[in-house]
Amino acid sequence: MKVENCTLEDYFSIVEDIVEFWGSNRTLKYHHPIYIHEFGQTAFVIRDEGKPIAYLFGFISDQSAGYVHLIGIRESYQKKGFRKFTLSAFYSVLKGKRIP
């Protein structure tokens, strides 16, 4: 599995399955497609068989400051290192080492 940029299709799948990521819908109000439309270079997803299992939504304000807004992992995939993979992709963009 690899980290890729999150698509709108991924976003809608995440929102539809929000309880599988967070145990409830309490974070739904923090999810917005602007993270895909405007900050798509720093919106990441990991898929298993085409289905999002982990994601990170963030943005970079300049090349020295970034903000991670949300990191979600499906409960059945938690504690398997997926958070680290999404954060590594974000930090790589922040440091200018990777522009997806």
PDB file of N, CA and C in Angstrom:
ATOM      1  N   MET A   1       0.843  -1.179   0.000  1.00  0.00           N
ATOM      2  CA  MET A   1       0.000   0.000   0.000  1.00  0.00           C
ATOM      3  C   MET A   1       0.885   1.237   0.000  1.00  0.00           C
ATOM      4  N   LYS A   2       0.428   2.248  -0.731  1.00  0.00           N
ATOM      5  CA  LYS A   2       1.227   3.466  -0.803  1.00  0.00           C
ATOM      6  C   LYS A   2       0.365   4.688  -0.515  1.00  0.00           C
ATOM      7  N   VAL A   3       1.052   5.754  -0.149  1.00  0.00           N
ATOM      8  CA  VAL A   3       0.398   7.027   0.132  1.00  0.00           C
ATOM      9  C   VAL A   3       0.255   7.776  -1.190  1.00  0.00           C
ATOM     10  N   GLU A   4      -0.966   8.249  -1.457  1.00  0.00           N
ATOM     11  CA  GLU A   4      -1.243   9.004  -2.678  1.00  0.00           C
ATOM     12  C   GLU A   4      -2.071  10.229  -2.317  1.00  0.00           C
ATOM     13  N   ASN A   5      -2.205  11.129  -3.273  1.00  0.00           N
ATOM     14  CA  ASN A   5      -3.070  12.279  -3.030  1.00  0.00           C
ATOM     15  C   ASN A   5      -4.528  11.829  -2.972  1.00  0.00           C
ATOM     16  N   CYS A   6      -5.255  12.415  -2.052  1.00  0.00           N
ATOM     17  CA  CYS A   6      -6.665  12.104  -1.855  1.00  0.00           C
ATOM     18  C   CYS A   6      -7.485  12.730  -2.975  1.00  0.00           C
ATOM     19  N   THR A   7      -8.415  11.992  -3.513  1.00  0.00           N
ATOM     20  CA  THR A   7      -9.314  12.490  -4.561  1.00  0.00           C
ATOM     21  C   THR A   7     -10.671  12.835  -3.949  1.00  0.00           C
ATOM     22  N   LEU A   8     -11.503  13.494  -4.721  1.00  0.00           N
ATOM     23  CA  LEU A   8     -12.868  13.768  -4.256  1.00  0.00           C
ATOM     24  C   LEU A   8     -13.618  12.467  -4.015  1.00  0.00           C
ATOM     25  N   GLU A   9     -13.401  11.480  -4.861  1.00  0.00           N
ATOM     26  CA  GLU A   9     -14.033  10.171  -4.657  1.00  0.00           C
ATOM     27  C   GLU A   9     -13.618   9.583  -3.307  1.00  0.00           C
ATOM     28  N   ASP A  10     -12.327   9.679  -2.979  1.00  0.00           N
ATOM     29  CA  ASP A  10     -11.852   9.219  -1.665  1.00  0.00           C
ATOM     30  C   ASP A  10     -12.536  10.000  -0.545  1.00  0.00           C
ATOM     31  N   TYR A  11     -12.582  11.315  -0.710  1.00  0.00           N
ATOM     32  CA  TYR A  11     -13.198  12.180   0.305  1.00  0.00           C
ATOM     33  C   TYR A  11     -14.632  11.749   0.595  1.00  0.00           C
ATOM     34  N   PHE A  12     -15.417  11.560  -0.454  1.00  0.00           N
ATOM     35  CA  PHE A  12     -16.819  11.181  -0.246  1.00  0.00           C
ATOM     36  C   PHE A  12     -16.932   9.793   0.385  1.00  0.00           C
ATOM     37  N   SER A  13     -16.031   8.904   0.063  1.00  0.00           N
ATOM     38  CA  SER A  13     -16.015   7.583   0.698  1.00  0.00           C
ATOM     39  C   SER A  13     -15.685   7.700   2.185  1.00  0.00           C
ATOM     40  N   ILE A  14     -14.723   8.560   2.508  1.00  0.00           N
ATOM     41  CA  ILE A  14     -14.339   8.790   3.911  1.00  0.00           C
ATOM     42  C   ILE A  14     -15.521   9.344   4.695  1.00  0.00           C
ATOM     43  N   VAL A  15     -16.155  10.373   4.156  1.00  0.00           N
ATOM     44  CA  VAL A  15     -17.291  11.009   4.842  1.00  0.00           C
ATOM     45  C   VAL A  15     -18.439  10.013   5.017  1.00  0.00           C
ATOM     46  N   GLU A  16     -18.679   9.211   4.003  1.00  0.00           N
ATOM     47  CA  GLU A  16     -19.748   8.212   4.081  1.00  0.00           C
ATOM     48  C   GLU A  16     -19.480   7.177   5.171  1.00  0.00           C
ATOM     49  N   ASP A  17     -18.203   6.843   5.366  1.00  0.00           N
ATOM     50  CA  ASP A  17     -17.810   5.821   6.353  1.00  0.00           C
ATOM     51  C   ASP A  17     -17.192   6.433   7.606  1.00  0.00           C
ATOM     52  N   ILE A  18     -17.507   7.682   7.913  1.00  0.00           N
ATOM     53  CA  ILE A  18     -16.837   8.414   8.984  1.00  0.00           C
ATOM     54  C   ILE A  18     -16.815   7.652  10.316  1.00  0.00           C
ATOM     55  N   VAL A  19     -17.864   6.929  10.628  1.00  0.00           N
ATOM     56  CA  VAL A  19     -17.929   6.187  11.896  1.00  0.00           C
ATOM     57  C   VAL A  19     -16.865   5.092  11.946  1.00  0.00           C
ATOM     58  N   GLU A  20     -16.519   4.521  10.805  1.00  0.00           N
ATOM     59  CA  GLU A  20     -15.480   3.486  10.765  1.00  0.00           C
ATOM     60  C   GLU A  20     -14.096   4.049  11.065  1.00  0.00           C
ATOM     61  N   PHE A  21     -13.913   5.353  10.848  1.00  0.00           N
ATOM     62  CA  PHE A  21     -12.634   5.993  11.133  1.00  0.00           C
ATOM     63  C   PHE A  21     -12.557   6.526  12.562  1.00  0.00           C
ATOM     64  N   TRP A  22     -13.660   7.068  13.057  1.00  0.00           N
ATOM     65  CA  TRP A  22     -13.636   7.807  14.316  1.00  0.00           C
ATOM     66  C   TRP A  22     -14.496   7.204  15.426  1.00  0.00           C
ATOM     67  N   GLY A  23     -15.237   6.156  15.123  1.00  0.00           N
ATOM     68  CA  GLY A  23     -16.084   5.540  16.143  1.00  0.00           C
ATOM     69  C   GLY A  23     -17.415   6.245  16.329  1.00  0.00           C
ATOM     70  N   SER A  24     -17.564   7.410  15.708  1.00  0.00           N
ATOM     71  CA  SER A  24     -18.811   8.176  15.729  1.00  0.00           C
ATOM     72  C   SER A  24     -18.710   9.210  14.609  1.00  0.00           C
ATOM     73  N   ASN A  25     -19.720  10.053  14.498  1.00  0.00           N
ATOM     74  CA  ASN A  25     -19.665  11.100  13.468  1.00  0.00           C
ATOM     75  C   ASN A  25     -19.255  12.458  14.047  1.00  0.00           C
ATOM     76  N   ARG A  26     -18.672  12.465  15.230  1.00  0.00           N
ATOM     77  CA  ARG A  26     -18.338  13.702  15.931  1.00  0.00           C
ATOM     78  C   ARG A  26     -17.373  14.611  15.164  1.00  0.00           C
ATOM     79  N   THR A  27     -16.562  14.055  14.272  1.00  0.00           N
ATOM     80  CA  THR A  27     -15.606  14.877  13.532  1.00  0.00           C
ATOM     81  C   THR A  27     -16.103  15.272  12.145  1.00  0.00           C
ATOM     82  N   LEU A  28     -17.289  14.853  11.794  1.00  0.00           N
ATOM     83  CA  LEU A  28     -17.812  15.110  10.447  1.00  0.00           C
ATOM     84  C   LEU A  28     -17.778  16.597  10.094  1.00  0.00           C
ATOM     85  N   LYS A  29     -18.072  17.454  11.060  1.00  0.00           N
ATOM     86  CA  LYS A  29     -18.102  18.895  10.800  1.00  0.00           C
ATOM     87  C   LYS A  29     -16.720  19.471  10.460  1.00  0.00           C
ATOM     88  N   TYR A  30     -15.658  18.734  10.759  1.00  0.00           N
ATOM     89  CA  TYR A  30     -14.299  19.190  10.454  1.00  0.00           C
ATOM     90  C   TYR A  30     -13.811  18.735   9.083  1.00  0.00           C
ATOM     91  N   HIS A  31     -14.602  17.927   8.429  1.00  0.00           N
ATOM     92  CA  HIS A  31     -14.274  17.439   7.093  1.00  0.00           C
ATOM     93  C   HIS A  31     -14.944  18.349   6.063  1.00  0.00           C
ATOM     94  N   HIS A  32     -14.161  18.819   5.134  1.00  0.00           N
ATOM     95  CA  HIS A  32     -14.705  19.699   4.111  1.00  0.00           C
ATOM     96  C   HIS A  32     -13.929  19.465   2.826  1.00  0.00           C
ATOM     97  N   PRO A  33     -14.610  19.468   1.687  1.00  0.00           N
ATOM     98  CA  PRO A  33     -13.911  19.217   0.420  1.00  0.00           C
ATOM     99  C   PRO A  33     -12.875  20.276   0.048  1.00  0.00           C
ATOM    100  N   ILE A  34     -12.837  21.395   0.759  1.00  0.00           N
ATOM    101  CA  ILE A  34     -11.809  22.400   0.481  1.00  0.00           C
ATOM    102  C   ILE A  34     -10.408  21.805   0.645  1.00  0.00           C
ATOM    103  N   TYR A  35     -10.284  20.815   1.521  1.00  0.00           N
ATOM    104  CA  TYR A  35      -8.970  20.190   1.725  1.00  0.00           C
ATOM    105  C   TYR A  35      -8.524  19.416   0.494  1.00  0.00           C
ATOM    106  N   ILE A  36      -9.449  19.050  -0.360  1.00  0.00           N
ATOM    107  CA  ILE A  36      -9.109  18.376  -1.609  1.00  0.00           C
ATOM    108  C   ILE A  36      -8.988  19.417  -2.733  1.00  0.00           C
ATOM    109  N   HIS A  37      -9.958  20.327  -2.804  1.00  0.00           N
ATOM    110  CA  HIS A  37      -9.970  21.328  -3.873  1.00  0.00           C
ATOM    111  C   HIS A  37      -8.799  22.303  -3.792  1.00  0.00           C
ATOM    112  N   GLU A  38      -8.544  22.850  -2.626  1.00  0.00           N
ATOM    113  CA  GLU A  38      -7.547  23.913  -2.489  1.00  0.00           C
ATOM    114  C   GLU A  38      -6.197  23.450  -1.947  1.00  0.00           C
ATOM    115  N   PHE A  39      -6.196  22.372  -1.191  1.00  0.00           N
ATOM    116  CA  PHE A  39      -4.960  21.896  -0.570  1.00  0.00           C
ATOM    117  C   PHE A  39      -4.667  20.453  -0.975  1.00  0.00           C
ATOM    118  N   GLY A  40      -4.998  20.117  -2.208  1.00  0.00           N
ATOM    119  CA  GLY A  40      -4.881  18.744  -2.692  1.00  0.00           C
ATOM    120  C   GLY A  40      -3.482  18.169  -2.657  1.00  0.00           C
ATOM    121  N   GLN A  41      -2.465  19.029  -2.704  1.00  0.00           N
ATOM    122  CA  GLN A  41      -1.084  18.529  -2.646  1.00  0.00           C
ATOM    123  C   GLN A  41      -0.715  18.033  -1.248  1.00  0.00           C
ATOM    124  N   THR A  42      -1.516  18.389  -0.252  1.00  0.00           N
ATOM    125  CA  THR A  42      -1.241  17.945   1.113  1.00  0.00           C
ATOM    126  C   THR A  42      -2.447  17.227   1.725  1.00  0.00           C
ATOM    127  N   ALA A  43      -3.229  16.614   0.872  1.00  0.00           N
ATOM    128  CA  ALA A  43      -4.326  15.736   1.309  1.00  0.00           C
ATOM    129  C   ALA A  43      -3.954  14.332   0.821  1.00  0.00           C
ATOM    130  N   PHE A  44      -3.716  13.444   1.758  1.00  0.00           N
ATOM    131  CA  PHE A  44      -3.189  12.125   1.420  1.00  0.00           C
ATOM    132  C   PHE A  44      -4.139  11.014   1.834  1.00  0.00           C
ATOM    133  N   VAL A  45      -4.028   9.908   1.133  1.00  0.00           N
ATOM    134  CA  VAL A  45      -4.861   8.740   1.422  1.00  0.00           C
ATOM    135  C   VAL A  45      -4.034   7.479   1.194  1.00  0.00           C
ATOM    136  N   ILE A  46      -4.356   6.458   1.965  1.00  0.00           N
ATOM    137  CA  ILE A  46      -3.843   5.110   1.730  1.00  0.00           C
ATOM    138  C   ILE A  46      -5.067   4.254   1.473  1.00  0.00           C
ATOM    139  N   ARG A  47      -5.017   3.478   0.407  1.00  0.00           N
ATOM    140  CA  ARG A  47      -6.154   2.629   0.036  1.00  0.00           C
ATOM    141  C   ARG A  47      -5.777   1.161   0.155  1.00  0.00           C
ATOM    142  N   ASP A  48      -6.763   0.361   0.447  1.00  0.00           N
ATOM    143  CA  ASP A  48      -6.637  -1.093   0.409  1.00  0.00           C
ATOM    144  C   ASP A  48      -7.759  -1.579  -0.498  1.00  0.00           C
ATOM    145  N   GLU A  49      -7.382  -2.197  -1.597  1.00  0.00           N
ATOM    146  CA  GLU A  49      -8.347  -2.657  -2.602  1.00  0.00           C
ATOM    147  C   GLU A  49      -9.264  -1.519  -3.059  1.00  0.00           C
ATOM    148  N   GLY A  50      -8.659  -0.341  -3.246  1.00  0.00           N
ATOM    149  CA  GLY A  50      -9.386   0.819  -3.750  1.00  0.00           C
ATOM    150  C   GLY A  50     -10.182   1.592  -2.721  1.00  0.00           C
ATOM    151  N   LYS A  51     -10.228   1.122  -1.499  1.00  0.00           N
ATOM    152  CA  LYS A  51     -11.034   1.741  -0.441  1.00  0.00           C
ATOM    153  C   LYS A  51     -10.110   2.507   0.519  1.00  0.00           C
ATOM    154  N   PRO A  52     -10.402   3.788   0.807  1.00  0.00           N
ATOM    155  CA  PRO A  52      -9.568   4.528   1.752  1.00  0.00           C
ATOM    156  C   PRO A  52      -9.549   3.873   3.134  1.00  0.00           C
ATOM    157  N   ILE A  53      -8.332   3.688   3.645  1.00  0.00           N
ATOM    158  CA  ILE A  53      -8.199   3.126   4.992  1.00  0.00           C
ATOM    159  C   ILE A  53      -7.503   4.088   5.946  1.00  0.00           C
ATOM    160  N   ALA A  54      -6.820   5.095   5.384  1.00  0.00           N
ATOM    161  CA  ALA A  54      -6.140   6.099   6.193  1.00  0.00           C
ATOM    162  C   ALA A  54      -6.056   7.384   5.377  1.00  0.00           C
ATOM    163  N   TYR A  55      -6.100   8.510   6.070  1.00  0.00           N
ATOM    164  CA  TYR A  55      -6.003   9.784   5.359  1.00  0.00           C
ATOM    165  C   TYR A  55      -5.432  10.854   6.258  1.00  0.00           C
ATOM    166  N   LEU A  56      -4.901  11.884   5.628  1.00  0.00           N
ATOM    167  CA  LEU A  56      -4.408  13.077   6.303  1.00  0.00           C
ATOM    168  C   LEU A  56      -4.841  14.270   5.471  1.00  0.00           C
ATOM    169  N   PHE A  57      -5.452  15.248   6.124  1.00  0.00           N
ATOM    170  CA  PHE A  57      -5.792  16.518   5.481  1.00  0.00           C
ATOM    171  C   PHE A  57      -4.983  17.596   6.189  1.00  0.00           C
ATOM    172  N   GLY A  58      -4.244  18.367   5.430  1.00  0.00           N
ATOM    173  CA  GLY A  58      -3.453  19.445   6.000  1.00  0.00           C
ATOM    174  C   GLY A  58      -3.189  20.498   4.951  1.00  0.00           C
ATOM    175  N   PHE A  59      -2.405  21.497   5.317  1.00  0.00           N
ATOM    176  CA  PHE A  59      -1.986  22.495   4.347  1.00  0.00           C
ATOM    177  C   PHE A  59      -0.678  23.117   4.793  1.00  0.00           C
ATOM    178  N   ILE A  60       0.002  23.687   3.837  1.00  0.00           N
ATOM    179  CA  ILE A  60       1.279  24.340   4.091  1.00  0.00           C
ATOM    180  C   ILE A  60       1.081  25.829   3.859  1.00  0.00           C
ATOM    181  N   SER A  61       1.429  26.632   4.859  1.00  0.00           N
ATOM    182  CA  SER A  61       1.254  28.078   4.723  1.00  0.00           C
ATOM    183  C   SER A  61       2.426  28.711   3.993  1.00  0.00           C
ATOM    184  N   ASP A  62       3.599  28.179   4.154  1.00  0.00           N
ATOM    185  CA  ASP A  62       4.778  28.534   3.368  1.00  0.00           C
ATOM    186  C   ASP A  62       5.711  27.328   3.461  1.00  0.00           C
ATOM    187  N   GLN A  63       6.907  27.437   2.977  1.00  0.00           N
ATOM    188  CA  GLN A  63       7.773  26.255   2.965  1.00  0.00           C
ATOM    189  C   GLN A  63       8.395  25.939   4.327  1.00  0.00           C
ATOM    190  N   SER A  64       7.994  26.675   5.368  1.00  0.00           N
ATOM    191  CA  SER A  64       8.538  26.357   6.688  1.00  0.00           C
ATOM    192  C   SER A  64       7.458  26.076   7.727  1.00  0.00           C
ATOM    193  N   ALA A  65       6.189  26.213   7.354  1.00  0.00           N
ATOM    194  CA  ALA A  65       5.116  25.986   8.323  1.00  0.00           C
ATOM    195  C   ALA A  65       3.979  25.214   7.682  1.00  0.00           C
ATOM    196  N   GLY A  66       3.504  24.214   8.397  1.00  0.00           N
ATOM    197  CA  GLY A  66       2.387  23.417   7.913  1.00  0.00           C
ATOM    198  C   GLY A  66       1.432  23.113   9.047  1.00  0.00           C
ATOM    199  N   TYR A  67       0.233  22.704   8.691  1.00  0.00           N
ATOM    200  CA  TYR A  67      -0.814  22.398   9.661  1.00  0.00           C
ATOM    201  C   TYR A  67      -1.478  21.088   9.259  1.00  0.00           C
ATOM    202  N   VAL A  68      -1.453  20.129  10.167  1.00  0.00           N
ATOM    203  CA  VAL A  68      -2.172  18.875   9.954  1.00  0.00           C
ATOM    204  C   VAL A  68      -3.537  19.045  10.599  1.00  0.00           C
ATOM    205  N   HIS A  69      -4.568  19.001   9.792  1.00  0.00           N
ATOM    206  CA  HIS A  69      -5.928  19.229  10.264  1.00  0.00           C
ATOM    207  C   HIS A  69      -6.548  17.943  10.803  1.00  0.00           C
ATOM    208  N   LEU A  70      -6.477  16.867  10.049  1.00  0.00           N
ATOM    209  CA  LEU A  70      -7.068  15.589  10.454  1.00  0.00           C
ATOM    210  C   LEU A  70      -6.203  14.425   9.980  1.00  0.00           C
ATOM    211  N   ILE A  71      -6.092  13.426  10.816  1.00  0.00           N
ATOM    212  CA  ILE A  71      -5.532  12.140  10.414  1.00  0.00           C
ATOM    213  C   ILE A  71      -6.552  11.099  10.844  1.00  0.00           C
ATOM    214  N   GLY A  72      -7.056  10.344   9.900  1.00  0.00           N
ATOM    215  CA  GLY A  72      -8.051   9.322  10.208  1.00  0.00           C
ATOM    216  C   GLY A  72      -7.575   7.958   9.730  1.00  0.00           C
ATOM    217  N   ILE A  73      -7.791   6.965  10.563  1.00  0.00           N
ATOM    218  CA  ILE A  73      -7.452   5.578  10.236  1.00  0.00           C
ATOM    219  C   ILE A  73      -8.680   4.728  10.556  1.00  0.00           C
ATOM    220  N   ARG A  74      -9.099   3.912   9.600  1.00  0.00           N
ATOM    221  CA  ARG A  74     -10.213   2.996   9.895  1.00  0.00           C
ATOM    222  C   ARG A  74      -9.844   2.177  11.130  1.00  0.00           C
ATOM    223  N   GLU A  75     -10.815   1.989  12.007  1.00  0.00           N
ATOM    224  CA  GLU A  75     -10.539   1.294  13.267  1.00  0.00           C
ATOM    225  C   GLU A  75      -9.902  -0.077  13.056  1.00  0.00           C
ATOM    226  N   SER A  76     -10.306  -0.793  12.021  1.00  0.00           N
ATOM    227  CA  SER A  76      -9.746  -2.130  11.790  1.00  0.00           C
ATOM    228  C   SER A  76      -8.303  -2.084  11.292  1.00  0.00           C
ATOM    229  N   TYR A  77      -7.785  -0.896  10.952  1.00  0.00           N
ATOM    230  CA  TYR A  77      -6.411  -0.747  10.471  1.00  0.00           C
ATOM    231  C   TYR A  77      -5.542   0.035  11.453  1.00  0.00           C
ATOM    232  N   GLN A  78      -6.097   0.440  12.571  1.00  0.00           N
ATOM    233  CA  GLN A  78      -5.337   1.241  13.519  1.00  0.00           C
ATOM    234  C   GLN A  78      -4.212   0.431  14.161  1.00  0.00           C
ATOM    235  N   LYS A  79      -3.186   1.160  14.595  1.00  0.00           N
ATOM    236  CA  LYS A  79      -2.000   0.596  15.253  1.00  0.00           C
ATOM    237  C   LYS A  79      -1.193  -0.299  14.324  1.00  0.00           C
ATOM    238  N   LYS A  80      -1.178   0.068  13.035  1.00  0.00           N
ATOM    239  CA  LYS A  80      -0.402  -0.687  12.051  1.00  0.00           C
ATOM    240  C   LYS A  80       0.593   0.217  11.319  1.00  0.00           C
ATOM    241  N   GLY A  81       0.779   1.448  11.814  1.00  0.00           N
ATOM    242  CA  GLY A  81       1.774   2.351  11.245  1.00  0.00           C
ATOM    243  C   GLY A  81       1.300   3.263  10.134  1.00  0.00           C
ATOM    244  N   PHE A  82       0.009   3.266   9.826  1.00  0.00           N
ATOM    245  CA  PHE A  82      -0.478   4.085   8.715  1.00  0.00           C
ATOM    246  C   PHE A  82      -0.387   5.580   9.001  1.00  0.00           C
ATOM    247  N   ARG A  83      -0.524   5.983  10.242  1.00  0.00           N
ATOM    248  CA  ARG A  83      -0.394   7.406  10.593  1.00  0.00           C
ATOM    249  C   ARG A  83       1.004   7.897  10.227  1.00  0.00           C
ATOM    250  N   LYS A  84       2.002   7.095  10.517  1.00  0.00           N
ATOM    251  CA  LYS A  84       3.385   7.466  10.213  1.00  0.00           C
ATOM    252  C   LYS A  84       3.582   7.661   8.706  1.00  0.00           C
ATOM    253  N   PHE A  85       2.987   6.796   7.893  1.00  0.00           N
ATOM    254  CA  PHE A  85       3.128   6.921   6.441  1.00  0.00           C
ATOM    255  C   PHE A  85       2.508   8.224   5.935  1.00  0.00           C
ATOM    256  N   THR A  86       1.324   8.567   6.432  1.00  0.00           N
ATOM    257  CA  THR A  86       0.685   9.802   5.970  1.00  0.00           C
ATOM    258  C   THR A  86       1.466  11.033   6.443  1.00  0.00           C
ATOM    259  N   LEU A  87       1.943  11.003   7.680  1.00  0.00           N
ATOM    260  CA  LEU A  87       2.739  12.125   8.182  1.00  0.00           C
ATOM    261  C   LEU A  87       4.046  12.275   7.415  1.00  0.00           C
ATOM    262  N   SER A  88       4.672  11.184   7.058  1.00  0.00           N
ATOM    263  CA  SER A  88       5.917  11.242   6.285  1.00  0.00           C
ATOM    264  C   SER A  88       5.692  11.916   4.939  1.00  0.00           C
ATOM    265  N   ALA A  89       4.575  11.607   4.292  1.00  0.00           N
ATOM    266  CA  ALA A  89       4.261  12.247   3.012  1.00  0.00           C
ATOM    267  C   ALA A  89       4.067  13.750   3.202  1.00  0.00           C
ATOM    268  N   PHE A  90       3.356  14.128   4.253  1.00  0.00           N
ATOM    269  CA  PHE A  90       3.119  15.544   4.528  1.00  0.00           C
ATOM    270  C   PHE A  90       4.434  16.268   4.805  1.00  0.00           C
ATOM    271  N   TYR A  91       5.280  15.702   5.653  1.00  0.00           N
ATOM    272  CA  TYR A  91       6.559  16.334   5.981  1.00  0.00           C
ATOM    273  C   TYR A  91       7.468  16.432   4.758  1.00  0.00           C
ATOM    274  N   SER A  92       7.397  15.455   3.875  1.00  0.00           N
ATOM    275  CA  SER A  92       8.203  15.509   2.652  1.00  0.00           C
ATOM    276  C   SER A  92       7.808  16.691   1.780  1.00  0.00           C
ATOM    277  N   VAL A  93       6.512  16.938   1.666  1.00  0.00           N
ATOM    278  CA  VAL A  93       6.050  18.100   0.902  1.00  0.00           C
ATOM    279  C   VAL A  93       6.478  19.378   1.609  1.00  0.00           C
ATOM    280  N   LEU A  94       6.326  19.412   2.919  1.00  0.00           N
ATOM    281  CA  LEU A  94       6.705  20.589   3.698  1.00  0.00           C
ATOM    282  C   LEU A  94       8.183  20.922   3.501  1.00  0.00           C
ATOM    283  N   LYS A  95       9.022  19.925   3.453  1.00  0.00           N
ATOM    284  CA  LYS A  95      10.458  20.150   3.288  1.00  0.00           C
ATOM    285  C   LYS A  95      10.867  20.273   1.828  1.00  0.00           C
ATOM    286  N   GLY A  96       9.886  20.220   0.920  1.00  0.00           N
ATOM    287  CA  GLY A  96      10.170  20.390  -0.489  1.00  0.00           C
ATOM    288  C   GLY A  96      10.804  19.189  -1.154  1.00  0.00           C
ATOM    289  N   LYS A  97      10.753  18.049  -0.497  1.00  0.00           N
ATOM    290  CA  LYS A  97      11.370  16.843  -1.047  1.00  0.00           C
ATOM    291  C   LYS A  97      10.440  16.070  -1.950  1.00  0.00           C
ATOM    292  N   ARG A  98       9.163  16.296  -1.828  1.00  0.00           N
ATOM    293  CA  ARG A  98       8.202  15.524  -2.629  1.00  0.00           C
ATOM    294  C   ARG A  98       7.047  16.426  -2.989  1.00  0.00           C
ATOM    295  N   ILE A  99       6.805  16.567  -4.225  1.00  0.00           N
ATOM    296  CA  ILE A  99       5.621  17.266  -4.697  1.00  0.00           C
ATOM    297  C   ILE A  99       4.825  16.253  -5.511  1.00  0.00           C
ATOM    298  N   PRO A 100       3.781  15.696  -4.892  1.00  0.00           N
ATOM    299  CA  PRO A 100       3.009  14.628  -5.569  1.00  0.00           C
ATOM    300  C   PRO A 100       2.382  15.123  -6.852  1.00  0.00           C
TER     301      PRO A 100
END
